[in-house]
PDB file of N, CA and C in Angstrom:
ATOM      1  N   MET A   1     -15.029  14.187 -80.530  1.00  0.00           N
ATOM      2  CA  MET A   1     -15.609  12.849 -80.524  1.00  0.00           C
ATOM      3  C   MET A   1     -16.053  12.499 -81.921  1.00  0.00           C
ATOM      4  N   SER A   2     -15.697  11.358 -82.357  1.00  0.00           N
ATOM      5  CA  SER A   2     -16.031  10.847 -83.663  1.00  0.00           C
ATOM      6  C   SER A   2     -16.888   9.560 -83.515  1.00  0.00           C
ATOM      7  N   LYS A   3     -17.638   9.294 -84.568  1.00  0.00           N
ATOM      8  CA  LYS A   3     -18.422   8.079 -84.591  1.00  0.00           C
ATOM      9  C   LYS A   3     -17.904   7.209 -85.712  1.00  0.00           C
ATOM     10  N   ILE A   4     -17.784   5.892 -85.449  1.00  0.00           N
ATOM     11  CA  ILE A   4     -17.427   4.956 -86.457  1.00  0.00           C
ATOM     12  C   ILE A   4     -18.624   4.029 -86.698  1.00  0.00           C
ATOM     13  N   GLN A   5     -18.868   3.701 -87.918  1.00  0.00           N
ATOM     14  CA  GLN A   5     -19.929   2.781 -88.301  1.00  0.00           C
ATOM     15  C   GLN A   5     -19.439   1.390 -88.072  1.00  0.00           C
ATOM     16  N   THR A   6     -20.238   0.520 -87.448  1.00  0.00           N
ATOM     17  CA  THR A   6     -19.799  -0.822 -87.138  1.00  0.00           C
ATOM     18  C   THR A   6     -20.537  -1.950 -87.876  1.00  0.00           C
ATOM     19  N   ASN A   7     -21.515  -1.539 -88.694  1.00  0.00           N
ATOM     20  CA  ASN A   7     -22.160  -2.578 -89.531  1.00  0.00           C
ATOM     21  C   ASN A   7     -22.454  -1.974 -90.926  1.00  0.00           C
ATOM     22  N   ALA A   8     -22.650  -2.836 -91.869  1.00  0.00           N
ATOM     23  CA  ALA A   8     -22.807  -2.398 -93.259  1.00  0.00           C
ATOM     24  C   ALA A   8     -24.042  -1.527 -93.507  1.00  0.00           C
ATOM     25  N   SER A   9     -25.094  -1.789 -92.754  1.00  0.00           N
ATOM     26  CA  SER A   9     -26.333  -1.039 -92.953  1.00  0.00           C
ATOM     27  C   SER A   9     -26.278   0.368 -92.299  1.00  0.00           C
ATOM     28  N   GLY A  10     -25.322   0.586 -91.448  1.00  0.00           N
ATOM     29  CA  GLY A  10     -25.171   1.898 -90.819  1.00  0.00           C
ATOM     30  C   GLY A  10     -26.062   2.103 -89.601  1.00  0.00           C
ATOM     31  N   THR A  11     -26.681   1.068 -89.109  1.00  0.00           N
ATOM     32  CA  THR A  11     -27.575   1.214 -87.964  1.00  0.00           C
ATOM     33  C   THR A  11     -26.867   1.154 -86.607  1.00  0.00           C
ATOM     34  N   ARG A  12     -25.633   0.762 -86.609  1.00  0.00           N
ATOM     35  CA  ARG A  12     -24.859   0.655 -85.358  1.00  0.00           C
ATOM     36  C   ARG A  12     -23.554   1.453 -85.480  1.00  0.00           C
ATOM     37  N   SER A  13     -23.236   2.143 -84.405  1.00  0.00           N
ATOM     38  CA  SER A  13     -21.984   2.916 -84.401  1.00  0.00           C
ATOM     39  C   SER A  13     -21.406   2.917 -83.000  1.00  0.00           C
ATOM     40  N   ILE A  14     -20.156   3.408 -82.910  1.00  0.00           N
ATOM     41  CA  ILE A  14     -19.451   3.537 -81.644  1.00  0.00           C
ATOM     42  C   ILE A  14     -18.780   4.908 -81.629  1.00  0.00           C
ATOM     43  N   GLU A  15     -18.882   5.617 -80.510  1.00  0.00           N
ATOM     44  CA  GLU A  15     -18.225   6.900 -80.369  1.00  0.00           C
ATOM     45  C   GLU A  15     -16.778   6.665 -79.955  1.00  0.00           C
ATOM     46  N   VAL A  16     -15.874   7.397 -80.601  1.00  0.00           N
ATOM     47  CA  VAL A  16     -14.448   7.282 -80.306  1.00  0.00           C
ATOM     48  C   VAL A  16     -13.929   8.678 -79.974  1.00  0.00           C
ATOM     49  N   SER A  17     -13.266   8.789 -78.835  1.00  0.00           N
ATOM     50  CA  SER A  17     -12.770  10.137 -78.408  1.00  0.00           C
ATOM     51  C   SER A  17     -11.311  10.309 -78.812  1.00  0.00           C
ATOM     52  N   GLU A  18     -10.839  11.553 -78.635  1.00  0.00           N
ATOM     53  CA  GLU A  18      -9.432  11.857 -78.852  1.00  0.00           C
ATOM     54  C   GLU A  18      -8.543  11.018 -77.894  1.00  0.00           C
ATOM     55  N   GLN A  19      -9.030  10.840 -76.659  1.00  0.00           N
ATOM     56  CA  GLN A  19      -8.271  10.064 -75.685  1.00  0.00           C
ATOM     57  C   GLN A  19      -8.175   8.598 -76.120  1.00  0.00           C
ATOM     58  N   HIS A  20      -9.189   8.055 -76.705  1.00  0.00           N
ATOM     59  CA  HIS A  20      -9.130   6.670 -77.190  1.00  0.00           C
ATOM     60  C   HIS A  20      -8.093   6.549 -78.271  1.00  0.00           C
ATOM     61  N   LEU A  21      -8.058   7.492 -79.204  1.00  0.00           N
ATOM     62  CA  LEU A  21      -7.103   7.478 -80.292  1.00  0.00           C
ATOM     63  C   LEU A  21      -5.640   7.656 -79.744  1.00  0.00           C
ATOM     64  N   ALA A  22      -5.497   8.523 -78.694  1.00  0.00           N
ATOM     65  CA  ALA A  22      -4.163   8.718 -78.100  1.00  0.00           C
ATOM     66  C   ALA A  22      -3.711   7.485 -77.386  1.00  0.00           C
ATOM     67  N   THR A  23      -4.646   6.745 -76.818  1.00  0.00           N
ATOM     68  CA  THR A  23      -4.294   5.502 -76.136  1.00  0.00           C
ATOM     69  C   THR A  23      -3.865   4.445 -77.139  1.00  0.00           C
ATOM     70  N   ILE A  24      -4.574   4.333 -78.274  1.00  0.00           N
ATOM     71  CA  ILE A  24      -4.167   3.422 -79.347  1.00  0.00           C
ATOM     72  C   ILE A  24      -2.750   3.743 -79.777  1.00  0.00           C
ATOM     73  N   ASP A  25      -2.466   5.058 -79.910  1.00  0.00           N
ATOM     74  CA  ASP A  25      -1.146   5.505 -80.331  1.00  0.00           C
ATOM     75  C   ASP A  25      -0.109   5.189 -79.250  1.00  0.00           C
ATOM     76  N   GLN A  26      -0.415   5.461 -78.011  1.00  0.00           N
ATOM     77  CA  GLN A  26       0.521   5.250 -76.881  1.00  0.00           C
ATOM     78  C   GLN A  26       0.971   3.807 -76.813  1.00  0.00           C
ATOM     79  N   TYR A  27       0.035   2.864 -76.913  1.00  0.00           N
ATOM     80  CA  TYR A  27       0.334   1.478 -76.832  1.00  0.00           C
ATOM     81  C   TYR A  27       0.649   0.811 -78.170  1.00  0.00           C
ATOM     82  N   GLN A  28       0.553   1.596 -79.267  1.00  0.00           N
ATOM     83  CA  GLN A  28       0.765   1.093 -80.631  1.00  0.00           C
ATOM     84  C   GLN A  28      -0.042  -0.196 -80.886  1.00  0.00           C
ATOM     85  N   LEU A  29      -1.322  -0.103 -80.537  1.00  0.00           N
ATOM     86  CA  LEU A  29      -2.170  -1.306 -80.612  1.00  0.00           C
ATOM     87  C   LEU A  29      -2.440  -1.766 -82.039  1.00  0.00           C
ATOM     88  N   LEU A  30      -2.308  -0.887 -83.031  1.00  0.00           N
ATOM     89  CA  LEU A  30      -2.606  -1.276 -84.407  1.00  0.00           C
ATOM     90  C   LEU A  30      -1.381  -1.695 -85.197  1.00  0.00           C
ATOM     91  N   ARG A  31      -0.171  -1.560 -84.574  1.00  0.00           N
ATOM     92  CA  ARG A  31       1.062  -1.910 -85.226  1.00  0.00           C
ATOM     93  C   ARG A  31       1.137  -3.419 -85.516  1.00  0.00           C
ATOM     94  N   ASP A  32       1.424  -3.769 -86.740  1.00  0.00           N
ATOM     95  CA  ASP A  32       1.599  -5.142 -87.174  1.00  0.00           C
ATOM     96  C   ASP A  32       0.354  -5.996 -86.892  1.00  0.00           C
ATOM     97  N   LEU A  33      -0.808  -5.402 -86.852  1.00  0.00           N
ATOM     98  CA  LEU A  33      -2.039  -6.079 -86.565  1.00  0.00           C
ATOM     99  C   LEU A  33      -2.596  -6.808 -87.756  1.00  0.00           C
ATOM    100  N   ILE A  34      -2.524  -6.151 -88.923  1.00  0.00           N
ATOM    101  CA  ILE A  34      -3.114  -6.667 -90.143  1.00  0.00           C
ATOM    102  C   ILE A  34      -2.093  -7.488 -90.931  1.00  0.00           C
ATOM    103  N   ASP A  35      -2.514  -8.605 -91.443  1.00  0.00           N
ATOM    104  CA  ASP A  35      -1.629  -9.472 -92.232  1.00  0.00           C
ATOM    105  C   ASP A  35      -1.303  -8.778 -93.568  1.00  0.00           C
ATOM    106  N   SER A  36      -0.415  -9.409 -94.311  1.00  0.00           N
ATOM    107  CA  SER A  36       0.024  -8.839 -95.602  1.00  0.00           C
ATOM    108  C   SER A  36      -1.098  -8.745 -96.640  1.00  0.00           C
ATOM    109  N   ASN A  37      -2.178  -9.470 -96.434  1.00  0.00           N
ATOM    110  CA  ASN A  37      -3.275  -9.400 -97.381  1.00  0.00           C
ATOM    111  C   ASN A  37      -4.108  -8.109 -97.204  1.00  0.00           C
ATOM    112  N   GLY A  38      -3.954  -7.427 -96.085  1.00  0.00           N
ATOM    113  CA  GLY A  38      -4.610  -6.168 -95.860  1.00  0.00           C
ATOM    114  C   GLY A  38      -6.089  -6.273 -95.521  1.00  0.00           C
ATOM    115  N   ILE A  39      -6.584  -7.498 -95.275  1.00  0.00           N
ATOM    116  CA  ILE A  39      -7.984  -7.699 -94.977  1.00  0.00           C
ATOM    117  C   ILE A  39      -8.212  -7.635 -93.457  1.00  0.00           C
ATOM    118  N   VAL A  40      -9.213  -6.863 -93.047  1.00  0.00           N
ATOM    119  CA  VAL A  40      -9.573  -6.786 -91.646  1.00  0.00           C
ATOM    120  C   VAL A  40     -10.818  -7.654 -91.488  1.00  0.00           C
ATOM    121  N   ASP A  41     -10.667  -8.735 -90.730  1.00  0.00           N
ATOM    122  CA  ASP A  41     -11.764  -9.660 -90.495  1.00  0.00           C
ATOM    123  C   ASP A  41     -11.872  -9.906 -88.992  1.00  0.00           C
ATOM    124  N   GLU A  42     -12.768 -10.807 -88.602  1.00  0.00           N
ATOM    125  CA  GLU A  42     -12.988 -11.095 -87.173  1.00  0.00           C
ATOM    126  C   GLU A  42     -11.728 -11.656 -86.536  1.00  0.00           C
ATOM    127  N   GLY A  43     -10.879 -12.338 -87.275  1.00  0.00           N
ATOM    128  CA  GLY A  43      -9.635 -12.886 -86.744  1.00  0.00           C
ATOM    129  C   GLY A  43      -8.689 -11.758 -86.312  1.00  0.00           C
ATOM    130  N   VAL A  44      -8.675 -10.713 -87.083  1.00  0.00           N
ATOM    131  CA  VAL A  44      -7.835  -9.536 -86.751  1.00  0.00           C
ATOM    132  C   VAL A  44      -8.364  -8.875 -85.480  1.00  0.00           C
ATOM    133  N   LEU A  45      -9.699  -8.769 -85.387  1.00  0.00           N
ATOM    134  CA  LEU A  45     -10.302  -8.190 -84.139  1.00  0.00           C
ATOM    135  C   LEU A  45      -9.974  -9.066 -82.960  1.00  0.00           C
ATOM    136  N   ASP A  46     -10.049 -10.385 -83.112  1.00  0.00           N
ATOM    137  CA  ASP A  46      -9.675 -11.289 -81.978  1.00  0.00           C
ATOM    138  C   ASP A  46      -8.225 -11.126 -81.617  1.00  0.00           C
ATOM    139  N   LYS A  47      -7.363 -10.953 -82.589  1.00  0.00           N
ATOM    140  CA  LYS A  47      -5.911 -10.750 -82.322  1.00  0.00           C
ATOM    141  C   LYS A  47      -5.710  -9.498 -81.505  1.00  0.00           C
ATOM    142  N   LEU A  48      -6.429  -8.392 -81.866  1.00  0.00           N
ATOM    143  CA  LEU A  48      -6.317  -7.147 -81.127  1.00  0.00           C
ATOM    144  C   LEU A  48      -6.795  -7.354 -79.691  1.00  0.00           C
ATOM    145  N   LYS A  49      -7.898  -8.030 -79.518  1.00  0.00           N
ATOM    146  CA  LYS A  49      -8.423  -8.281 -78.156  1.00  0.00           C
ATOM    147  C   LYS A  49      -7.435  -9.083 -77.337  1.00  0.00           C
ATOM    148  N   LEU A  50      -6.806 -10.072 -77.940  1.00  0.00           N
ATOM    149  CA  LEU A  50      -5.822 -10.858 -77.195  1.00  0.00           C
ATOM    150  C   LEU A  50      -4.583 -10.047 -76.838  1.00  0.00           C
ATOM    151  N   ASN A  51      -4.158  -9.212 -77.742  1.00  0.00           N
ATOM    152  CA  ASN A  51      -3.025  -8.318 -77.459  1.00  0.00           C
ATOM    153  C   ASN A  51      -3.342  -7.370 -76.273  1.00  0.00           C
ATOM    154  N   ILE A  52      -4.540  -6.817 -76.309  1.00  0.00           N
ATOM    155  CA  ILE A  52      -4.947  -5.925 -75.221  1.00  0.00           C
ATOM    156  C   ILE A  52      -5.091  -6.649 -73.906  1.00  0.00           C
ATOM    157  N   ARG A  53      -5.639  -7.879 -73.996  1.00  0.00           N
ATOM    158  CA  ARG A  53      -5.804  -8.697 -72.753  1.00  0.00           C
ATOM    159  C   ARG A  53      -4.442  -8.930 -72.109  1.00  0.00           C
ATOM    160  N   SER A  54      -3.414  -9.261 -72.941  1.00  0.00           N
ATOM    161  CA  SER A  54      -2.080  -9.499 -72.370  1.00  0.00           C
ATOM    162  C   SER A  54      -1.504  -8.206 -71.776  1.00  0.00           C
ATOM    163  N   LEU A  55      -1.786  -7.038 -72.415  1.00  0.00           N
ATOM    164  CA  LEU A  55      -1.341  -5.777 -71.838  1.00  0.00           C
ATOM    165  C   LEU A  55      -2.009  -5.524 -70.500  1.00  0.00           C
ATOM    166  N   LEU A  56      -3.302  -5.795 -70.389  1.00  0.00           N
ATOM    167  CA  LEU A  56      -4.041  -5.543 -69.169  1.00  0.00           C
ATOM    168  C   LEU A  56      -3.555  -6.469 -68.028  1.00  0.00           C
ATOM    169  N   GLU A  57      -3.133  -7.652 -68.404  1.00  0.00           N
ATOM    170  CA  GLU A  57      -2.657  -8.605 -67.373  1.00  0.00           C
ATOM    171  C   GLU A  57      -1.271  -8.221 -66.891  1.00  0.00           C
ATOM    172  N   SER A  58      -0.505  -7.477 -67.701  1.00  0.00           N
ATOM    173  CA  SER A  58       0.839  -7.086 -67.300  1.00  0.00           C
ATOM    174  C   SER A  58       0.777  -5.870 -66.410  1.00  0.00           C
ATOM    175  N   GLU A  59       1.858  -5.548 -65.783  1.00  0.00           N
ATOM    176  CA  GLU A  59       1.927  -4.417 -64.884  1.00  0.00           C
ATOM    177  C   GLU A  59       1.767  -3.105 -65.666  1.00  0.00           C
ATOM    178  N   ALA A  60       2.223  -3.037 -66.883  1.00  0.00           N
ATOM    179  CA  ALA A  60       2.157  -1.808 -67.683  1.00  0.00           C
ATOM    180  C   ALA A  60       0.699  -1.500 -68.111  1.00  0.00           C
ATOM    181  N   GLY A  61      -0.135  -2.516 -68.100  1.00  0.00           N
ATOM    182  CA  GLY A  61      -1.517  -2.323 -68.537  1.00  0.00           C
ATOM    183  C   GLY A  61      -2.467  -1.781 -67.541  1.00  0.00           C
ATOM    184  N   ARG A  62      -2.000  -1.429 -66.399  1.00  0.00           N
ATOM    185  CA  ARG A  62      -2.892  -0.900 -65.324  1.00  0.00           C
ATOM    186  C   ARG A  62      -3.115   0.603 -65.542  1.00  0.00           C
ATOM    187  N   ASP A  63      -3.738   0.886 -66.668  1.00  0.00           N
ATOM    188  CA  ASP A  63      -3.932   2.282 -67.051  1.00  0.00           C
ATOM    189  C   ASP A  63      -5.387   2.487 -67.299  1.00  0.00           C
ATOM    190  N   LYS A  64      -5.934   3.534 -66.737  1.00  0.00           N
ATOM    191  CA  LYS A  64      -7.377   3.845 -66.829  1.00  0.00           C
ATOM    192  C   LYS A  64      -7.773   4.119 -68.305  1.00  0.00           C
ATOM    193  N   GLN A  65      -6.908   4.771 -69.066  1.00  0.00           N
ATOM    194  CA  GLN A  65      -7.206   5.076 -70.441  1.00  0.00           C
ATOM    195  C   GLN A  65      -7.327   3.803 -71.281  1.00  0.00           C
ATOM    196  N   LEU A  66      -6.472   2.808 -71.000  1.00  0.00           N
ATOM    197  CA  LEU A  66      -6.533   1.532 -71.702  1.00  0.00           C
ATOM    198  C   LEU A  66      -7.818   0.798 -71.338  1.00  0.00           C
ATOM    199  N   LEU A  67      -8.183   0.833 -70.071  1.00  0.00           N
ATOM    200  CA  LEU A  67      -9.424   0.206 -69.663  1.00  0.00           C
ATOM    201  C   LEU A  67     -10.647   0.889 -70.324  1.00  0.00           C
ATOM    202  N   ASP A  68     -10.605   2.208 -70.356  1.00  0.00           N
ATOM    203  CA  ASP A  68     -11.692   2.973 -70.973  1.00  0.00           C
ATOM    204  C   ASP A  68     -11.775   2.620 -72.512  1.00  0.00           C
ATOM    205  N   LEU A  69     -10.656   2.493 -73.161  1.00  0.00           N
ATOM    206  CA  LEU A  69     -10.639   2.118 -74.570  1.00  0.00           C
ATOM    207  C   LEU A  69     -11.295   0.764 -74.765  1.00  0.00           C
ATOM    208  N   CYS A  70     -10.987  -0.160 -73.882  1.00  0.00           N
ATOM    209  CA  CYS A  70     -11.558  -1.515 -73.960  1.00  0.00           C
ATOM    210  C   CYS A  70     -13.051  -1.479 -73.767  1.00  0.00           C
ATOM    211  N   LEU A  71     -13.496  -0.838 -72.708  1.00  0.00           N
ATOM    212  CA  LEU A  71     -14.924  -0.835 -72.380  1.00  0.00           C
ATOM    213  C   LEU A  71     -15.736  -0.062 -73.390  1.00  0.00           C
ATOM    214  N   ASP A  72     -15.212   1.054 -73.859  1.00  0.00           N
ATOM    215  CA  ASP A  72     -15.984   1.970 -74.739  1.00  0.00           C
ATOM    216  C   ASP A  72     -15.913   1.581 -76.196  1.00  0.00           C
ATOM    217  N   VAL A  73     -14.803   0.943 -76.626  1.00  0.00           N
ATOM    218  CA  VAL A  73     -14.596   0.730 -78.073  1.00  0.00           C
ATOM    219  C   VAL A  73     -14.330  -0.739 -78.405  1.00  0.00           C
ATOM    220  N   ILE A  74     -13.183  -1.239 -78.023  1.00  0.00           N
ATOM    221  CA  ILE A  74     -12.711  -2.567 -78.471  1.00  0.00           C
ATOM    222  C   ILE A  74     -13.697  -3.706 -78.090  1.00  0.00           C
ATOM    223  N   TYR A  75     -14.068  -3.710 -76.844  1.00  0.00           N
ATOM    224  CA  TYR A  75     -14.996  -4.794 -76.352  1.00  0.00           C
ATOM    225  C   TYR A  75     -16.461  -4.346 -76.394  1.00  0.00           C
ATOM    226  N   HIS A  76     -16.747  -3.288 -77.083  1.00  0.00           N
ATOM    227  CA  HIS A  76     -18.150  -2.813 -77.224  1.00  0.00           C
ATOM    228  C   HIS A  76     -18.921  -3.891 -77.963  1.00  0.00           C
ATOM    229  N   PRO A  77     -20.180  -4.172 -77.573  1.00  0.00           N
ATOM    230  CA  PRO A  77     -20.950  -5.235 -78.194  1.00  0.00           C
ATOM    231  C   PRO A  77     -21.139  -5.021 -79.706  1.00  0.00           C
ATOM    232  N   ASN A  78     -21.089  -3.780 -80.190  1.00  0.00           N
ATOM    233  CA  ASN A  78     -21.299  -3.514 -81.602  1.00  0.00           C
ATOM    234  C   ASN A  78     -19.996  -3.621 -82.416  1.00  0.00           C
ATOM    235  N   MET A  79     -18.849  -3.793 -81.753  1.00  0.00           N
ATOM    236  CA  MET A  79     -17.601  -3.824 -82.483  1.00  0.00           C
ATOM    237  C   MET A  79     -17.457  -5.143 -83.311  1.00  0.00           C
ATOM    238  N   LYS A  80     -17.371  -4.961 -84.591  1.00  0.00           N
ATOM    239  CA  LYS A  80     -17.171  -6.047 -85.518  1.00  0.00           C
ATOM    240  C   LYS A  80     -16.003  -5.725 -86.402  1.00  0.00           C
ATOM    241  N   ALA A  81     -15.704  -6.579 -87.416  1.00  0.00           N
ATOM    242  CA  ALA A  81     -14.569  -6.342 -88.314  1.00  0.00           C
ATOM    243  C   ALA A  81     -14.710  -4.981 -89.048  1.00  0.00           C
ATOM    244  N   LEU A  82     -15.917  -4.646 -89.511  1.00  0.00           N
ATOM    245  CA  LEU A  82     -16.108  -3.369 -90.174  1.00  0.00           C
ATOM    246  C   LEU A  82     -15.828  -2.207 -89.252  1.00  0.00           C
ATOM    247  N   GLY A  83     -16.213  -2.333 -88.027  1.00  0.00           N
ATOM    248  CA  GLY A  83     -15.980  -1.297 -87.020  1.00  0.00           C
ATOM    249  C   GLY A  83     -14.443  -1.120 -86.828  1.00  0.00           C
ATOM    250  N   LEU A  84     -13.732  -2.218 -86.746  1.00  0.00           N
ATOM    251  CA  LEU A  84     -12.262  -2.169 -86.597  1.00  0.00           C
ATOM    252  C   LEU A  84     -11.618  -1.493 -87.817  1.00  0.00           C
ATOM    253  N   GLN A  85     -12.129  -1.873 -89.022  1.00  0.00           N
ATOM    254  CA  GLN A  85     -11.557  -1.248 -90.223  1.00  0.00           C
ATOM    255  C   GLN A  85     -11.804   0.262 -90.206  1.00  0.00           C
ATOM    256  N   ASN A  86     -12.979   0.686 -89.780  1.00  0.00           N
ATOM    257  CA  ASN A  86     -13.279   2.112 -89.707  1.00  0.00           C
ATOM    258  C   ASN A  86     -12.482   2.774 -88.576  1.00  0.00           C
ATOM    259  N   LEU A  87     -12.251   2.077 -87.474  1.00  0.00           N
ATOM    260  CA  LEU A  87     -11.396   2.601 -86.398  1.00  0.00           C
ATOM    261  C   LEU A  87      -9.965   2.807 -86.893  1.00  0.00           C
ATOM    262  N   ILE A  88      -9.454   1.867 -87.662  1.00  0.00           N
ATOM    263  CA  ILE A  88      -8.118   2.011 -88.225  1.00  0.00           C
ATOM    264  C   ILE A  88      -8.055   3.224 -89.141  1.00  0.00           C
ATOM    265  N   GLN A  89      -9.043   3.376 -89.985  1.00  0.00           N
ATOM    266  CA  GLN A  89      -9.051   4.534 -90.902  1.00  0.00           C
ATOM    267  C   GLN A  89      -9.123   5.859 -90.137  1.00  0.00           C
ATOM    268  N   LEU A  90      -9.973   5.890 -89.098  1.00  0.00           N
ATOM    269  CA  LEU A  90     -10.066   7.095 -88.261  1.00  0.00           C
ATOM    270  C   LEU A  90      -8.746   7.376 -87.549  1.00  0.00           C
ATOM    271  N   PHE A  91      -8.106   6.321 -87.045  1.00  0.00           N
ATOM    272  CA  PHE A  91      -6.804   6.513 -86.388  1.00  0.00           C
ATOM    273  C   PHE A  91      -5.747   7.032 -87.349  1.00  0.00           C
ATOM    274  N   LEU A  92      -5.697   6.498 -88.539  1.00  0.00           N
ATOM    275  CA  LEU A  92      -4.723   6.966 -89.533  1.00  0.00           C
ATOM    276  C   LEU A  92      -4.929   8.432 -89.916  1.00  0.00           C
ATOM    277  N   GLU A  93      -6.197   8.812 -90.043  1.00  0.00           N
ATOM    278  CA  GLU A  93      -6.498  10.234 -90.356  1.00  0.00           C
ATOM    279  C   GLU A  93      -6.144  11.118 -89.144  1.00  0.00           C
ATOM    280  N   TRP A  94      -6.468  10.645 -87.959  1.00  0.00           N
ATOM    281  CA  TRP A  94      -6.116  11.410 -86.753  1.00  0.00           C
ATOM    282  C   TRP A  94      -4.613  11.577 -86.606  1.00  0.00           C
ATOM    283  N   LYS A  95      -3.879  10.492 -86.833  1.00  0.00           N
ATOM    284  CA  LYS A  95      -2.441  10.492 -86.752  1.00  0.00           C
ATOM    285  C   LYS A  95      -1.810  11.450 -87.742  1.00  0.00           C
ATOM    286  N   LYS A  96      -2.359  11.457 -88.955  1.00  0.00           N
ATOM    287  CA  LYS A  96      -1.845  12.344 -90.007  1.00  0.00           C
ATOM    288  C   LYS A  96      -2.036  13.806 -89.594  1.00  0.00           C
ATOM    289  N   ASN A  97      -3.129  14.086 -88.916  1.00  0.00           N
ATOM    290  CA  ASN A  97      -3.419  15.480 -88.482  1.00  0.00           C
ATOM    291  C   ASN A  97      -2.674  15.868 -87.218  1.00  0.00           C
ATOM    292  N   GLN A  98      -2.071  14.930 -86.542  1.00  0.00           N
ATOM    293  CA  GLN A  98      -1.354  15.221 -85.305  1.00  0.00           C
ATOM    294  C   GLN A  98       0.018  15.870 -85.513  1.00  0.00           C
ATOM    295  N   HIS A  99       0.611  15.540 -86.665  1.00  0.00           N
ATOM    296  CA  HIS A  99       1.949  16.039 -86.929  1.00  0.00           C
ATOM    297  C   HIS A  99       1.897  17.304 -87.743  1.00  0.00           C
ATOM    298  N   PRO A 100       2.293  18.409 -87.134  1.00  0.00           N
ATOM    299  CA  PRO A 100       2.291  19.696 -87.835  1.00  0.00           C
ATOM    300  C   PRO A 100       3.329  19.647 -88.987  1.00  0.00           C
ATOM    301  N   THR A 101       3.077  20.426 -90.016  1.00  0.00           N
ATOM    302  CA  THR A 101       3.979  20.494 -91.126  1.00  0.00           C
ATOM    303  C   THR A 101       5.300  21.105 -90.703  1.00  0.00           C
ATOM    304  N   PRO A 102       6.406  20.522 -91.101  1.00  0.00           N
ATOM    305  CA  PRO A 102       7.706  21.063 -90.678  1.00  0.00           C
ATOM    306  C   PRO A 102       7.940  22.460 -91.219  1.00  0.00           C
ATOM    307  N   THR A 103       8.552  23.280 -90.385  1.00  0.00           N
ATOM    308  CA  THR A 103       8.872  24.631 -90.834  1.00  0.00           C
ATOM    309  C   THR A 103      10.311  24.646 -91.361  1.00  0.00           C
ATOM    310  N   THR A 104      10.615  25.584 -92.216  1.00  0.00           N
ATOM    311  CA  THR A 104      11.923  25.703 -92.728  1.00  0.00           C
ATOM    312  C   THR A 104      12.832  26.327 -91.660  1.00  0.00           C
ATOM    313  N   GLN A 105      13.974  25.697 -91.392  1.00  0.00           N
ATOM    314  CA  GLN A 105      14.881  26.173 -90.354  1.00  0.00           C
ATOM    315  C   GLN A 105      16.267  26.376 -90.939  1.00  0.00           C
ATOM    316  N   ASP A 106      16.986  27.369 -90.357  1.00  0.00           N
ATOM    317  CA  ASP A 106      18.366  27.551 -90.773  1.00  0.00           C
ATOM    318  C   ASP A 106      19.233  26.560 -90.032  1.00  0.00           C
ATOM    319  N   PRO A 107      20.540  26.473 -90.319  1.00  0.00           N
ATOM    320  CA  PRO A 107      21.399  25.494 -89.695  1.00  0.00           C
ATOM    321  C   PRO A 107      21.497  25.583 -88.168  1.00  0.00           C
ATOM    322  N   ASP A 108      21.142  26.775 -87.615  1.00  0.00           N
ATOM    323  CA  ASP A 108      21.203  26.937 -86.150  1.00  0.00           C
ATOM    324  C   ASP A 108      19.943  26.386 -85.472  1.00  0.00           C
ATOM    325  N   GLY A 109      18.991  25.892 -86.234  1.00  0.00           N
ATOM    326  CA  GLY A 109      17.779  25.363 -85.681  1.00  0.00           C
ATOM    327  C   GLY A 109      16.698  26.453 -85.466  1.00  0.00           C
ATOM    328  N   LEU A 110      16.948  27.648 -85.928  1.00  0.00           N
ATOM    329  CA  LEU A 110      15.973  28.716 -85.759  1.00  0.00           C
ATOM    330  C   LEU A 110      15.129  28.825 -87.003  1.00  0.00           C
ATOM    331  N   PRO A 111      13.837  29.194 -86.859  1.00  0.00           N
ATOM    332  CA  PRO A 111      12.999  29.354 -88.055  1.00  0.00           C
ATOM    333  C   PRO A 111      13.582  30.388 -88.986  1.00  0.00           C
ATOM    334  N   ALA A 112      13.506  30.102 -90.251  1.00  0.00           N
ATOM    335  CA  ALA A 112      14.043  30.982 -91.302  1.00  0.00           C
ATOM    336  C   ALA A 112      13.067  32.173 -91.436  1.00  0.00           C
ATOM    337  N   ASP A 113      13.625  33.370 -91.794  1.00  0.00           N
ATOM    338  CA  ASP A 113      12.778  34.562 -91.934  1.00  0.00           C
ATOM    339  C   ASP A 113      12.216  34.618 -93.319  1.00  0.00           C
TER     340      ASP A 113
END
């Protein structure tokens, strides 16, 4: 379980679990979310909320993990643009740590000695 800071003074935070991060990855919720300027603002947060709302309204969105993500993180009363920016950073770090380093293999696909 990780905590993300949601305001500049550091008085508010949201707890984010491994399952929340896996759900973000499963639905690719952060893909193409940020404009080319790279700024995360309230408009980007609203865009994410609208994307999730459309997923929930579809048949594919009837997933308990997606609902938990919404209730616990995305629609949390403390979630603001800074919180989303910190969530994105946490997700990128988590994603980077998810992929093990490739091992050297011979042409048969077996690990090299």
